[in-house]
Amino acid sequence: MLNTAPNLQACDDFYETLIKAHEGLSTTESHAMNARLVLLLANHIGDQATLQHALQLARGADALGAAQVAPEGITPAVPSHTRAQAPTAA
């Protein structure tokens, strides 16, 4: 069973570390790093049903494909490197 209740110790510290891990990476490199991280954590979890549930929640759909709200305590954030940046003055 997937635990969606807040479970991280020092979650702000982890989030900061995660964002710092992306610093200096191109968007492509950042996506590749995220993919490797997902695969490492999926291997650690190992349970197919739990991983399937996580994929469904992460995509925002239940088993029937209906829209679903993110679980309480989980707030998706856009990585800073993908946010639109204001053009610099010439």
PDB file of N, CA and C in Angstrom:
ATOM      1  N   MET A   1       0.843  -1.173   0.000  1.00  0.00           N
ATOM      2  CA  MET A   1       0.000   0.000   0.000  1.00  0.00           C
ATOM      3  C   MET A   1       0.896   1.248   0.000  1.00  0.00           C
ATOM      4  N   LEU A   2       0.516   2.210  -0.784  1.00  0.00           N
ATOM      5  CA  LEU A   2       1.273   3.453  -0.918  1.00  0.00           C
ATOM      6  C   LEU A   2       0.932   4.401   0.222  1.00  0.00           C
ATOM      7  N   ASN A   3       1.943   4.878   0.910  1.00  0.00           N
ATOM      8  CA  ASN A   3       1.760   5.834   2.000  1.00  0.00           C
ATOM      9  C   ASN A   3       1.778   7.240   1.398  1.00  0.00           C
ATOM     10  N   THR A   4       0.642   7.920   1.414  1.00  0.00           N
ATOM     11  CA  THR A   4       0.579   9.287   0.886  1.00  0.00           C
ATOM     12  C   THR A   4       0.484  10.326   1.998  1.00  0.00           C
ATOM     13  N   ALA A   5       0.520   9.871   3.245  1.00  0.00           N
ATOM     14  CA  ALA A   5       0.533  10.807   4.372  1.00  0.00           C
ATOM     15  C   ALA A   5       1.937  11.404   4.492  1.00  0.00           C
ATOM     16  N   PRO A   6       2.049  12.635   4.954  1.00  0.00           N
ATOM     17  CA  PRO A   6       3.387  13.224   5.135  1.00  0.00           C
ATOM     18  C   PRO A   6       4.268  12.270   5.944  1.00  0.00           C
ATOM     19  N   ASN A   7       5.444  11.950   5.404  1.00  0.00           N
ATOM     20  CA  ASN A   7       6.289  10.932   6.008  1.00  0.00           C
ATOM     21  C   ASN A   7       7.762  11.318   6.007  1.00  0.00           C
ATOM     22  N   LEU A   8       8.102  12.395   5.342  1.00  0.00           N
ATOM     23  CA  LEU A   8       9.504  12.813   5.261  1.00  0.00           C
ATOM     24  C   LEU A   8       9.914  13.567   6.514  1.00  0.00           C
ATOM     25  N   GLN A   9      11.062  13.205   7.027  1.00  0.00           N
ATOM     26  CA  GLN A   9      11.644  14.004   8.103  1.00  0.00           C
ATOM     27  C   GLN A   9      12.346  15.162   7.412  1.00  0.00           C
ATOM     28  N   ALA A  10      12.191  16.357   7.887  1.00  0.00           N
ATOM     29  CA  ALA A  10      12.834  17.545   7.312  1.00  0.00           C
ATOM     30  C   ALA A  10      12.536  17.637   5.810  1.00  0.00           C
ATOM     31  N   CYS A  11      11.250  17.638   5.472  1.00  0.00           N
ATOM     32  CA  CYS A  11      10.851  17.639   4.057  1.00  0.00           C
ATOM     33  C   CYS A  11      11.354  18.876   3.313  1.00  0.00           C
ATOM     34  N   ASP A  12      11.423  20.018   3.975  1.00  0.00           N
ATOM     35  CA  ASP A  12      11.944  21.214   3.318  1.00  0.00           C
ATOM     36  C   ASP A  12      13.413  21.037   2.961  1.00  0.00           C
ATOM     37  N   ASP A  13      14.160  20.383   3.832  1.00  0.00           N
ATOM     38  CA  ASP A  13      15.574  20.121   3.551  1.00  0.00           C
ATOM     39  C   ASP A  13      15.723  19.200   2.347  1.00  0.00           C
ATOM     40  N   PHE A  14      14.872  18.153   2.274  1.00  0.00           N
ATOM     41  CA  PHE A  14      14.936  17.254   1.128  1.00  0.00           C
ATOM     42  C   PHE A  14      14.586  18.000  -0.154  1.00  0.00           C
ATOM     43  N   TYR A  15      13.531  18.815  -0.109  1.00  0.00           N
ATOM     44  CA  TYR A  15      13.128  19.562  -1.301  1.00  0.00           C
ATOM     45  C   TYR A  15      14.264  20.470  -1.760  1.00  0.00           C
ATOM     46  N   GLU A  16      14.920  21.150  -0.830  1.00  0.00           N
ATOM     47  CA  GLU A  16      16.043  22.019  -1.170  1.00  0.00           C
ATOM     48  C   GLU A  16      17.175  21.212  -1.810  1.00  0.00           C
ATOM     49  N   THR A  17      17.462  20.049  -1.258  1.00  0.00           N
ATOM     50  CA  THR A  17      18.503  19.184  -1.816  1.00  0.00           C
ATOM     51  C   THR A  17      18.132  18.717  -3.218  1.00  0.00           C
ATOM     52  N   LEU A  18      16.866  18.379  -3.411  1.00  0.00           N
ATOM     53  CA  LEU A  18      16.389  17.940  -4.726  1.00  0.00           C
ATOM     54  C   LEU A  18      16.531  19.058  -5.757  1.00  0.00           C
ATOM     55  N   ILE A  19      16.130  20.257  -5.405  1.00  0.00           N
ATOM     56  CA  ILE A  19      16.245  21.392  -6.322  1.00  0.00           C
ATOM     57  C   ILE A  19      17.710  21.684  -6.621  1.00  0.00           C
ATOM     58  N   LYS A  20      18.566  21.648  -5.600  1.00  0.00           N
ATOM     59  CA  LYS A  20      19.997  21.888  -5.815  1.00  0.00           C
ATOM     60  C   LYS A  20      20.617  20.837  -6.717  1.00  0.00           C
ATOM     61  N   ALA A  21      20.121  19.610  -6.649  1.00  0.00           N
ATOM     62  CA  ALA A  21      20.643  18.545  -7.504  1.00  0.00           C
ATOM     63  C   ALA A  21      20.396  18.837  -8.983  1.00  0.00           C
ATOM     64  N   HIS A  22      19.411  19.679  -9.273  1.00  0.00           N
ATOM     65  CA  HIS A  22      19.077  20.036 -10.655  1.00  0.00           C
ATOM     66  C   HIS A  22      19.816  21.278 -11.145  1.00  0.00           C
ATOM     67  N   GLU A  23      20.438  22.017 -10.226  1.00  0.00           N
ATOM     68  CA  GLU A  23      21.123  23.250 -10.624  1.00  0.00           C
ATOM     69  C   GLU A  23      22.223  22.962 -11.634  1.00  0.00           C
ATOM     70  N   GLY A  24      22.253  23.782 -12.673  1.00  0.00           N
ATOM     71  CA  GLY A  24      23.274  23.653 -13.695  1.00  0.00           C
ATOM     72  C   GLY A  24      22.959  22.626 -14.767  1.00  0.00           C
ATOM     73  N   LEU A  25      21.865  21.906 -14.614  1.00  0.00           N
ATOM     74  CA  LEU A  25      21.489  20.911 -15.617  1.00  0.00           C
ATOM     75  C   LEU A  25      20.581  21.552 -16.662  1.00  0.00           C
ATOM     76  N   SER A  26      20.725  21.092 -17.884  1.00  0.00           N
ATOM     77  CA  SER A  26      19.782  21.514 -18.919  1.00  0.00           C
ATOM     78  C   SER A  26      18.451  20.827 -18.634  1.00  0.00           C
ATOM     79  N   THR A  27      17.411  21.248 -19.310  1.00  0.00           N
ATOM     80  CA  THR A  27      16.104  20.612 -19.129  1.00  0.00           C
ATOM     81  C   THR A  27      16.195  19.129 -19.447  1.00  0.00           C
ATOM     82  N   THR A  28      16.889  18.774 -20.518  1.00  0.00           N
ATOM     83  CA  THR A  28      17.043  17.369 -20.908  1.00  0.00           C
ATOM     84  C   THR A  28      17.791  16.587 -19.836  1.00  0.00           C
ATOM     85  N   GLU A  29      18.869  17.150 -19.310  1.00  0.00           N
ATOM     86  CA  GLU A  29      19.638  16.490 -18.253  1.00  0.00           C
ATOM     87  C   GLU A  29      18.806  16.345 -16.981  1.00  0.00           C
ATOM     88  N   SER A  30      18.010  17.371 -16.678  1.00  0.00           N
ATOM     89  CA  SER A  30      17.151  17.336 -15.504  1.00  0.00           C
ATOM     90  C   SER A  30      16.101  16.241 -15.624  1.00  0.00           C
ATOM     91  N   HIS A  31      15.496  16.117 -16.795  1.00  0.00           N
ATOM     92  CA  HIS A  31      14.511  15.060 -17.016  1.00  0.00           C
ATOM     93  C   HIS A  31      15.158  13.686 -16.889  1.00  0.00           C
ATOM     94  N   ALA A  32      16.372  13.550 -17.414  1.00  0.00           N
ATOM     95  CA  ALA A  32      17.084  12.271 -17.325  1.00  0.00           C
ATOM     96  C   ALA A  32      17.408  11.938 -15.870  1.00  0.00           C
ATOM     97  N   MET A  33      17.814  12.943 -15.107  1.00  0.00           N
ATOM     98  CA  MET A  33      18.091  12.716 -13.693  1.00  0.00           C
ATOM     99  C   MET A  33      16.829  12.281 -12.958  1.00  0.00           C
ATOM    100  N   ASN A  34      15.708  12.950 -13.239  1.00  0.00           N
ATOM    101  CA  ASN A  34      14.436  12.563 -12.617  1.00  0.00           C
ATOM    102  C   ASN A  34      14.075  11.127 -12.967  1.00  0.00           C
ATOM    103  N   ALA A  35      14.276  10.745 -14.211  1.00  0.00           N
ATOM    104  CA  ALA A  35      13.963   9.379 -14.632  1.00  0.00           C
ATOM    105  C   ALA A  35      14.831   8.372 -13.875  1.00  0.00           C
ATOM    106  N   ARG A  36      16.126   8.666 -13.740  1.00  0.00           N
ATOM    107  CA  ARG A  36      17.005   7.764 -12.987  1.00  0.00           C
ATOM    108  C   ARG A  36      16.580   7.681 -11.528  1.00  0.00           C
ATOM    109  N   LEU A  37      16.208   8.820 -10.940  1.00  0.00           N
ATOM    110  CA  LEU A  37      15.765   8.837  -9.546  1.00  0.00           C
ATOM    111  C   LEU A  37      14.504   7.998  -9.371  1.00  0.00           C
ATOM    112  N   VAL A  38      13.551   8.141 -10.283  1.00  0.00           N
ATOM    113  CA  VAL A  38      12.317   7.355 -10.220  1.00  0.00           C
ATOM    114  C   VAL A  38      12.641   5.863 -10.287  1.00  0.00           C
ATOM    115  N   LEU A  39      13.525   5.482 -11.192  1.00  0.00           N
ATOM    116  CA  LEU A  39      13.866   4.063 -11.334  1.00  0.00           C
ATOM    117  C   LEU A  39      14.595   3.531 -10.103  1.00  0.00           C
ATOM    118  N   LEU A  40      15.477   4.334  -9.522  1.00  0.00           N
ATOM    119  CA  LEU A  40      16.158   3.918  -8.298  1.00  0.00           C
ATOM    120  C   LEU A  40      15.161   3.710  -7.155  1.00  0.00           C
ATOM    121  N   LEU A  41      14.246   4.657  -6.995  1.00  0.00           N
ATOM    122  CA  LEU A  41      13.260   4.543  -5.922  1.00  0.00           C
ATOM    123  C   LEU A  41      12.254   3.421  -6.192  1.00  0.00           C
ATOM    124  N   ALA A  42      11.882   3.219  -7.457  1.00  0.00           N
ATOM    125  CA  ALA A  42      10.979   2.116  -7.808  1.00  0.00           C
ATOM    126  C   ALA A  42      11.639   0.775  -7.486  1.00  0.00           C
ATOM    127  N   ASN A  43      12.921   0.664  -7.776  1.00  0.00           N
ATOM    128  CA  ASN A  43      13.634  -0.559  -7.446  1.00  0.00           C
ATOM    129  C   ASN A  43      13.650  -0.774  -5.935  1.00  0.00           C
ATOM    130  N   HIS A  44      13.835   0.293  -5.184  1.00  0.00           N
ATOM    131  CA  HIS A  44      13.854   0.199  -3.725  1.00  0.00           C
ATOM    132  C   HIS A  44      12.486  -0.248  -3.192  1.00  0.00           C
ATOM    133  N   ILE A  45      11.414   0.295  -3.743  1.00  0.00           N
ATOM    134  CA  ILE A  45      10.057  -0.077  -3.319  1.00  0.00           C
ATOM    135  C   ILE A  45       9.769  -1.517  -3.716  1.00  0.00           C
ATOM    136  N   GLY A  46       9.967  -1.827  -4.989  1.00  0.00           N
ATOM    137  CA  GLY A  46       9.879  -3.197  -5.469  1.00  0.00           C
ATOM    138  C   GLY A  46       8.492  -3.786  -5.653  1.00  0.00           C
ATOM    139  N   ASP A  47       7.483  -3.283  -5.013  1.00  0.00           N
ATOM    140  CA  ASP A  47       6.147  -3.863  -5.090  1.00  0.00           C
ATOM    141  C   ASP A  47       5.375  -3.262  -6.266  1.00  0.00           C
ATOM    142  N   GLN A  48       4.993  -4.117  -7.201  1.00  0.00           N
ATOM    143  CA  GLN A  48       4.340  -3.666  -8.433  1.00  0.00           C
ATOM    144  C   GLN A  48       3.030  -2.923  -8.170  1.00  0.00           C
ATOM    145  N   ALA A  49       2.208  -3.413  -7.253  1.00  0.00           N
ATOM    146  CA  ALA A  49       0.923  -2.759  -6.963  1.00  0.00           C
ATOM    147  C   ALA A  49       1.141  -1.366  -6.381  1.00  0.00           C
ATOM    148  N   THR A  50       2.113  -1.226  -5.504  1.00  0.00           N
ATOM    149  CA  THR A  50       2.418   0.078  -4.914  1.00  0.00           C
ATOM    150  C   THR A  50       2.920   1.034  -5.978  1.00  0.00           C
ATOM    151  N   LEU A  51       3.777   0.549  -6.851  1.00  0.00           N
ATOM    152  CA  LEU A  51       4.305   1.396  -7.926  1.00  0.00           C
ATOM    153  C   LEU A  51       3.203   1.815  -8.895  1.00  0.00           C
ATOM    154  N   GLN A  52       2.296   0.893  -9.219  1.00  0.00           N
ATOM    155  CA  GLN A  52       1.166   1.219 -10.099  1.00  0.00           C
ATOM    156  C   GLN A  52       0.302   2.303  -9.470  1.00  0.00           C
ATOM    157  N   HIS A  53       0.032   2.174  -8.178  1.00  0.00           N
ATOM    158  CA  HIS A  53      -0.769   3.166  -7.467  1.00  0.00           C
ATOM    159  C   HIS A  53      -0.070   4.529  -7.496  1.00  0.00           C
ATOM    160  N   ALA A  54       1.237   4.534  -7.261  1.00  0.00           N
ATOM    161  CA  ALA A  54       2.007   5.779  -7.296  1.00  0.00           C
ATOM    162  C   ALA A  54       1.944   6.428  -8.673  1.00  0.00           C
ATOM    163  N   LEU A  55       2.057   5.633  -9.722  1.00  0.00           N
ATOM    164  CA  LEU A  55       1.970   6.175 -11.082  1.00  0.00           C
ATOM    165  C   LEU A  55       0.608   6.799 -11.341  1.00  0.00           C
ATOM    166  N   GLN A  56      -0.436   6.130 -10.886  1.00  0.00           N
ATOM    167  CA  GLN A  56      -1.787   6.655 -11.080  1.00  0.00           C
ATOM    168  C   GLN A  56      -1.963   7.976 -10.344  1.00  0.00           C
ATOM    169  N   LEU A  57      -1.498   8.042  -9.098  1.00  0.00           N
ATOM    170  CA  LEU A  57      -1.625   9.279  -8.331  1.00  0.00           C
ATOM    171  C   LEU A  57      -0.781  10.399  -8.932  1.00  0.00           C
ATOM    172  N   ALA A  58       0.434  10.060  -9.351  1.00  0.00           N
ATOM    173  CA  ALA A  58       1.319  11.070  -9.926  1.00  0.00           C
ATOM    174  C   ALA A  58       0.753  11.640 -11.223  1.00  0.00           C
ATOM    175  N   ARG A  59       0.097  10.802 -11.985  1.00  0.00           N
ATOM    176  CA  ARG A  59      -0.511  11.266 -13.238  1.00  0.00           C
ATOM    177  C   ARG A  59      -1.790  12.046 -12.977  1.00  0.00           C
ATOM    178  N   GLY A  60      -2.394  11.840 -11.797  1.00  0.00           N
ATOM    179  CA  GLY A  60      -3.623  12.557 -11.462  1.00  0.00           C
ATOM    180  C   GLY A  60      -4.860  11.847 -11.941  1.00  0.00           C
ATOM    181  N   ALA A  61      -4.799  10.515 -12.057  1.00  0.00           N
ATOM    182  CA  ALA A  61      -5.953   9.749 -12.520  1.00  0.00           C
ATOM    183  C   ALA A  61      -6.113   8.507 -11.666  1.00  0.00           C
ATOM    184  N   ASP A  62      -7.359   8.097 -11.465  1.00  0.00           N
ATOM    185  CA  ASP A  62      -7.599   6.845 -10.761  1.00  0.00           C
ATOM    186  C   ASP A  62      -7.513   5.696 -11.771  1.00  0.00           C
ATOM    187  N   ALA A  63      -7.804   4.508 -11.351  1.00  0.00           N
ATOM    188  CA  ALA A  63      -7.684   3.327 -12.203  1.00  0.00           C
ATOM    189  C   ALA A  63      -8.566   3.415 -13.442  1.00  0.00           C
ATOM    190  N   LEU A  64      -9.645   4.180 -13.374  1.00  0.00           N
ATOM    191  CA  LEU A  64     -10.539   4.315 -14.523  1.00  0.00           C
ATOM    192  C   LEU A  64     -10.169   5.500 -15.402  1.00  0.00           C
ATOM    193  N   GLY A  65      -9.137   6.231 -15.010  1.00  0.00           N
ATOM    194  CA  GLY A  65      -8.699   7.361 -15.810  1.00  0.00           C
ATOM    195  C   GLY A  65      -9.393   8.659 -15.478  1.00  0.00           C
ATOM    196  N   ALA A  66     -10.229   8.671 -14.449  1.00  0.00           N
ATOM    197  CA  ALA A  66     -10.922   9.898 -14.072  1.00  0.00           C
ATOM    198  C   ALA A  66      -9.958  10.842 -13.377  1.00  0.00           C
ATOM    199  N   ALA A  67     -10.201  12.123 -13.536  1.00  0.00           N
ATOM    200  CA  ALA A  67      -9.348  13.128 -12.890  1.00  0.00           C
ATOM    201  C   ALA A  67      -9.410  12.953 -11.386  1.00  0.00           C
ATOM    202  N   GLN A  68      -8.284  13.226 -10.744  1.00  0.00           N
ATOM    203  CA  GLN A  68      -8.195  13.045  -9.302  1.00  0.00           C
ATOM    204  C   GLN A  68      -7.346  14.161  -8.719  1.00  0.00           C
ATOM    205  N   VAL A  69      -7.676  14.587  -7.535  1.00  0.00           N
ATOM    206  CA  VAL A  69      -6.909  15.606  -6.835  1.00  0.00           C
ATOM    207  C   VAL A  69      -5.696  14.937  -6.201  1.00  0.00           C
ATOM    208  N   ALA A  70      -4.571  15.644  -6.152  1.00  0.00           N
ATOM    209  CA  ALA A  70      -3.370  15.108  -5.506  1.00  0.00           C
ATOM    210  C   ALA A  70      -3.676  14.777  -4.059  1.00  0.00           C
ATOM    211  N   PRO A  71      -3.079  13.699  -3.547  1.00  0.00           N
ATOM    212  CA  PRO A  71      -3.317  13.324  -2.155  1.00  0.00           C
ATOM    213  C   PRO A  71      -2.929  14.447  -1.205  1.00  0.00           C
ATOM    214  N   GLU A  72      -3.615  14.503  -0.067  1.00  0.00           N
ATOM    215  CA  GLU A  72      -3.310  15.512   0.943  1.00  0.00           C
ATOM    216  C   GLU A  72      -1.843  15.403   1.338  1.00  0.00           C
ATOM    217  N   GLY A  73      -1.196  16.539   1.453  1.00  0.00           N
ATOM    218  CA  GLY A  73       0.201  16.550   1.853  1.00  0.00           C
ATOM    219  C   GLY A  73       1.171  16.503   0.692  1.00  0.00           C
ATOM    220  N   ILE A  74       0.667  16.250  -0.517  1.00  0.00           N
ATOM    221  CA  ILE A  74       1.541  16.195  -1.692  1.00  0.00           C
ATOM    222  C   ILE A  74       1.158  17.337  -2.609  1.00  0.00           C
ATOM    223  N   THR A  75       2.051  18.292  -2.756  1.00  0.00           N
ATOM    224  CA  THR A  75       1.791  19.444  -3.601  1.00  0.00           C
ATOM    225  C   THR A  75       2.818  19.468  -4.724  1.00  0.00           C
ATOM    226  N   PRO A  76       2.398  19.150  -5.956  1.00  0.00           N
ATOM    227  CA  PRO A  76       3.348  19.189  -7.059  1.00  0.00           C
ATOM    228  C   PRO A  76       3.891  20.594  -7.255  1.00  0.00           C
ATOM    229  N   ALA A  77       5.152  20.691  -7.603  1.00  0.00           N
ATOM    230  CA  ALA A  77       5.792  21.983  -7.861  1.00  0.00           C
ATOM    231  C   ALA A  77       6.527  21.918  -9.182  1.00  0.00           C
ATOM    232  N   VAL A  78       6.542  23.035  -9.874  1.00  0.00           N
ATOM    233  CA  VAL A  78       7.259  23.114 -11.143  1.00  0.00           C
ATOM    234  C   VAL A  78       8.725  23.413 -10.833  1.00  0.00           C
ATOM    235  N   PRO A  79       9.652  22.567 -11.329  1.00  0.00           N
ATOM    236  CA  PRO A  79      11.069  22.857 -11.097  1.00  0.00           C
ATOM    237  C   PRO A  79      11.429  24.235 -11.636  1.00  0.00           C
ATOM    238  N   SER A  80      12.328  24.926 -10.956  1.00  0.00           N
ATOM    239  CA  SER A  80      12.659  26.298 -11.319  1.00  0.00           C
ATOM    240  C   SER A  80      13.217  26.414 -12.732  1.00  0.00           C
ATOM    241  N   HIS A  81      13.903  25.397 -13.230  1.00  0.00           N
ATOM    242  CA  HIS A  81      14.485  25.503 -14.565  1.00  0.00           C
ATOM    243  C   HIS A  81      13.429  25.428 -15.662  1.00  0.00           C
ATOM    244  N   THR A  82      12.190  25.043 -15.329  1.00  0.00           N
ATOM    245  CA  THR A  82      11.150  24.974 -16.346  1.00  0.00           C
ATOM    246  C   THR A  82      10.185  26.145 -16.279  1.00  0.00           C
ATOM    247  N   ARG A  83      10.343  27.002 -15.280  1.00  0.00           N
ATOM    248  CA  ARG A  83       9.474  28.175 -15.168  1.00  0.00           C
ATOM    249  C   ARG A  83       9.861  29.200 -16.219  1.00  0.00           C
ATOM    250  N   ALA A  84       8.859  29.873 -16.737  1.00  0.00           N
ATOM    251  CA  ALA A  84       9.123  30.940 -17.710  1.00  0.00           C
ATOM    252  C   ALA A  84       9.917  32.030 -17.048  1.00  0.00           C
ATOM    253  N   GLN A  85      10.936  32.490 -17.710  1.00  0.00           N
ATOM    254  CA  GLN A  85      11.752  33.554 -17.172  1.00  0.00           C
ATOM    255  C   GLN A  85      11.544  34.822 -17.997  1.00  0.00           C
ATOM    256  N   ALA A  86      11.558  35.949 -17.315  1.00  0.00           N
ATOM    257  CA  ALA A  86      11.386  37.236 -18.005  1.00  0.00           C
ATOM    258  C   ALA A  86      12.603  37.489 -18.875  1.00  0.00           C
ATOM    259  N   PRO A  87      12.400  38.035 -20.068  1.00  0.00           N
ATOM    260  CA  PRO A  87      13.533  38.348 -20.936  1.00  0.00           C
ATOM    261  C   PRO A  87      14.428  39.399 -20.275  1.00  0.00           C
ATOM    262  N   THR A  88      15.725  39.274 -20.508  1.00  0.00           N
ATOM    263  CA  THR A  88      16.658  40.249 -19.947  1.00  0.00           C
ATOM    264  C   THR A  88      16.752  41.452 -20.893  1.00  0.00           C
ATOM    265  N   ALA A  89      16.965  42.608 -20.306  1.00  0.00           N
ATOM    266  CA  ALA A  89      17.096  43.834 -21.101  1.00  0.00           C
ATOM    267  C   ALA A  89      18.407  43.816 -21.868  1.00  0.00           C
ATOM    268  N   ALA A  90      18.382  44.308 -23.075  1.00  0.00           N
ATOM    269  CA  ALA A  90      19.588  44.319 -23.911  1.00  0.00           C
ATOM    270  C   ALA A  90      20.380  45.581 -23.707  1.00  0.00           C
TER     271      ALA A  90
END
